[in-house]
Amino acid sequence: MGFINQAKANEAERQAAGAFSEGRSSIVFKIIEANSGSRNTGIMQGVGEQIEAIERQGWSLDTMTAAEGKALSGERTALICLFRRR
């Protein structure tokens, strides 16, 4: 995993741990795919790592939806993920 994807996974895990310690029962997390402009079928770079990092903190992915958009940095796919406590 690259440096940026690792940093994103670390931040996701930190935020998930914080929400867990606050006693939250659900969190909504936005994950932006690292690979821009790709229309090919395949692994979404950095996404699985962030989901796994959040789940390590006692959360379980419940629902996910995707949206695509263009920004100054190019095309990106954003995943909006609802996690619930196990």
C-alpha atoms as a PDB file:
ATOM      1  CA  MET A   1       0.000   0.000   0.000  1.00  0.00           C
ATOM      2  CA  GLY A   2       1.333   3.429  -0.913  1.00  0.00           C
ATOM      3  CA  PHE A   3       2.068   6.232   1.516  1.00  0.00           C
ATOM      4  CA  ILE A   4      -1.125   8.198   0.781  1.00  0.00           C
ATOM      5  CA  ASN A   5      -3.384   5.139   1.000  1.00  0.00           C
ATOM      6  CA  GLN A   6      -1.724   4.155   4.288  1.00  0.00           C
ATOM      7  CA  ALA A   7      -2.246   7.654   5.670  1.00  0.00           C
ATOM      8  CA  LYS A   8      -5.925   7.541   4.670  1.00  0.00           C
ATOM      9  CA  ALA A   9      -6.374   4.126   6.304  1.00  0.00           C
ATOM     10  CA  ASN A  10      -4.649   5.358   9.482  1.00  0.00           C
ATOM     11  CA  GLU A  11      -6.939   8.404   9.640  1.00  0.00           C
ATOM     12  CA  ALA A  12     -10.038   6.272   9.029  1.00  0.00           C
ATOM     13  CA  GLU A  13      -8.995   3.948  11.849  1.00  0.00           C
ATOM     14  CA  ARG A  14      -8.301   6.894  14.184  1.00  0.00           C
ATOM     15  CA  GLN A  15     -11.715   8.443  13.529  1.00  0.00           C
ATOM     16  CA  ALA A  16     -13.489   5.096  13.888  1.00  0.00           C
ATOM     17  CA  ALA A  17     -11.763   4.467  17.210  1.00  0.00           C
ATOM     18  CA  GLY A  18     -12.808   7.914  18.420  1.00  0.00           C
ATOM     19  CA  ALA A  19     -16.440   7.366  17.439  1.00  0.00           C
ATOM     20  CA  PHE A  20     -16.407   3.966  19.159  1.00  0.00           C
ATOM     21  CA  SER A  21     -15.019   5.464  22.397  1.00  0.00           C
ATOM     22  CA  GLU A  22     -17.771   8.134  22.269  1.00  0.00           C
ATOM     23  CA  GLY A  23     -20.345   5.341  22.322  1.00  0.00           C
ATOM     24  CA  ARG A  24     -21.644   5.963  18.821  1.00  0.00           C
ATOM     25  CA  SER A  25     -23.746   3.177  17.294  1.00  0.00           C
ATOM     26  CA  SER A  26     -23.298   4.247  13.666  1.00  0.00           C
ATOM     27  CA  ILE A  27     -20.967   6.398  11.590  1.00  0.00           C
ATOM     28  CA  VAL A  28     -21.056   7.599   8.002  1.00  0.00           C
ATOM     29  CA  PHE A  29     -17.677   7.757   6.327  1.00  0.00           C
ATOM     30  CA  LYS A  30     -16.725   9.177   2.914  1.00  0.00           C
ATOM     31  CA  ILE A  31     -14.001   7.270   1.098  1.00  0.00           C
ATOM     32  CA  ILE A  32     -12.517   8.731  -2.083  1.00  0.00           C
ATOM     33  CA  GLU A  33     -10.857   6.328  -4.509  1.00  0.00           C
ATOM     34  CA  ALA A  34      -7.164   6.985  -5.017  1.00  0.00           C
ATOM     35  CA  ASN A  35      -7.109   6.003  -8.689  1.00  0.00           C
ATOM     36  CA  SER A  36      -8.540   8.813 -10.792  1.00  0.00           C
ATOM     37  CA  GLY A  37      -9.875   8.573 -14.317  1.00  0.00           C
ATOM     38  CA  SER A  38     -10.001   4.785 -14.406  1.00  0.00           C
ATOM     39  CA  ARG A  39     -13.056   3.225 -16.000  1.00  0.00           C
ATOM     40  CA  ASN A  40     -11.694  -0.302 -15.829  1.00  0.00           C
ATOM     41  CA  THR A  41     -13.103  -3.069 -13.702  1.00  0.00           C
ATOM     42  CA  GLY A  42     -10.817  -3.883 -10.808  1.00  0.00           C
ATOM     43  CA  ILE A  43      -9.767  -3.099  -7.276  1.00  0.00           C
ATOM     44  CA  MET A  44     -10.475   0.447  -6.133  1.00  0.00           C
ATOM     45  CA  GLN A  45      -7.118   1.565  -4.759  1.00  0.00           C
ATOM     46  CA  GLY A  46      -7.180   2.508  -1.077  1.00  0.00           C
ATOM     47  CA  VAL A  47     -10.871   1.747  -0.521  1.00  0.00           C
ATOM     48  CA  GLY A  48     -10.609  -1.768   0.912  1.00  0.00           C
ATOM     49  CA  GLU A  49      -7.780  -0.711   3.181  1.00  0.00           C
ATOM     50  CA  GLN A  50      -9.913   2.069   4.692  1.00  0.00           C
ATOM     51  CA  ILE A  51     -12.901  -0.229   5.158  1.00  0.00           C
ATOM     52  CA  GLU A  52     -10.699  -2.839   6.849  1.00  0.00           C
ATOM     53  CA  ALA A  53      -9.166  -0.170   9.102  1.00  0.00           C
ATOM     54  CA  ILE A  54     -12.610   0.982  10.260  1.00  0.00           C
ATOM     55  CA  GLU A  55     -13.796  -2.595  10.810  1.00  0.00           C
ATOM     56  CA  ARG A  56     -10.729  -3.321  12.977  1.00  0.00           C
ATOM     57  CA  GLN A  57     -12.226  -0.827  15.434  1.00  0.00           C
ATOM     58  CA  GLY A  58     -15.407  -2.850  15.942  1.00  0.00           C
ATOM     59  CA  TRP A  59     -17.518  -1.459  13.098  1.00  0.00           C
ATOM     60  CA  SER A  60     -19.219  -3.414  10.335  1.00  0.00           C
ATOM     61  CA  LEU A  61     -20.008  -2.008   6.900  1.00  0.00           C
ATOM     62  CA  ASP A  62     -23.798  -1.893   6.588  1.00  0.00           C
ATOM     63  CA  THR A  63     -24.552   0.115   3.429  1.00  0.00           C
ATOM     64  CA  MET A  64     -22.492   1.760   0.708  1.00  0.00           C
ATOM     65  CA  THR A  65     -23.352   4.036  -2.208  1.00  0.00           C
ATOM     66  CA  ALA A  66     -21.120   5.608  -4.850  1.00  0.00           C
ATOM     67  CA  ALA A  67     -20.978   8.956  -6.604  1.00  0.00           C
ATOM     68  CA  GLU A  68     -18.623  10.219  -9.283  1.00  0.00           C
ATOM     69  CA  GLY A  69     -17.544  13.778  -9.805  1.00  0.00           C
ATOM     70  CA  LYS A  70     -14.918  16.027 -11.308  1.00  0.00           C
ATOM     71  CA  ALA A  71     -12.833  18.401  -9.280  1.00  0.00           C
ATOM     72  CA  LEU A  72      -9.579  20.240  -9.847  1.00  0.00           C
ATOM     73  CA  SER A  73      -7.777  16.994  -9.090  1.00  0.00           C
ATOM     74  CA  GLY A  74      -9.627  15.040 -11.781  1.00  0.00           C
ATOM     75  CA  GLU A  75     -12.364  12.433 -11.788  1.00  0.00           C
ATOM     76  CA  ARG A  76     -12.909  10.672  -8.499  1.00  0.00           C
ATOM     77  CA  THR A  77     -15.320   8.099  -7.163  1.00  0.00           C
ATOM     78  CA  ALA A  78     -16.575   8.796  -3.658  1.00  0.00           C
ATOM     79  CA  LEU A  79     -18.113   6.050  -1.573  1.00  0.00           C
ATOM     80  CA  ILE A  80     -20.465   6.971   1.225  1.00  0.00           C
ATOM     81  CA  CYS A  81     -20.360   4.141   3.752  1.00  0.00           C
ATOM     82  CA  LEU A  82     -22.634   3.526   6.724  1.00  0.00           C
ATOM     83  CA  PHE A  83     -20.936   1.519   9.466  1.00  0.00           C
ATOM     84  CA  ARG A  84     -22.669   0.101  12.520  1.00  0.00           C
ATOM     85  CA  ARG A  85     -21.259  -1.354  15.694  1.00  0.00           C
ATOM     86  CA  ARG A  86     -20.973  -5.106  15.761  1.00  0.00           C
END
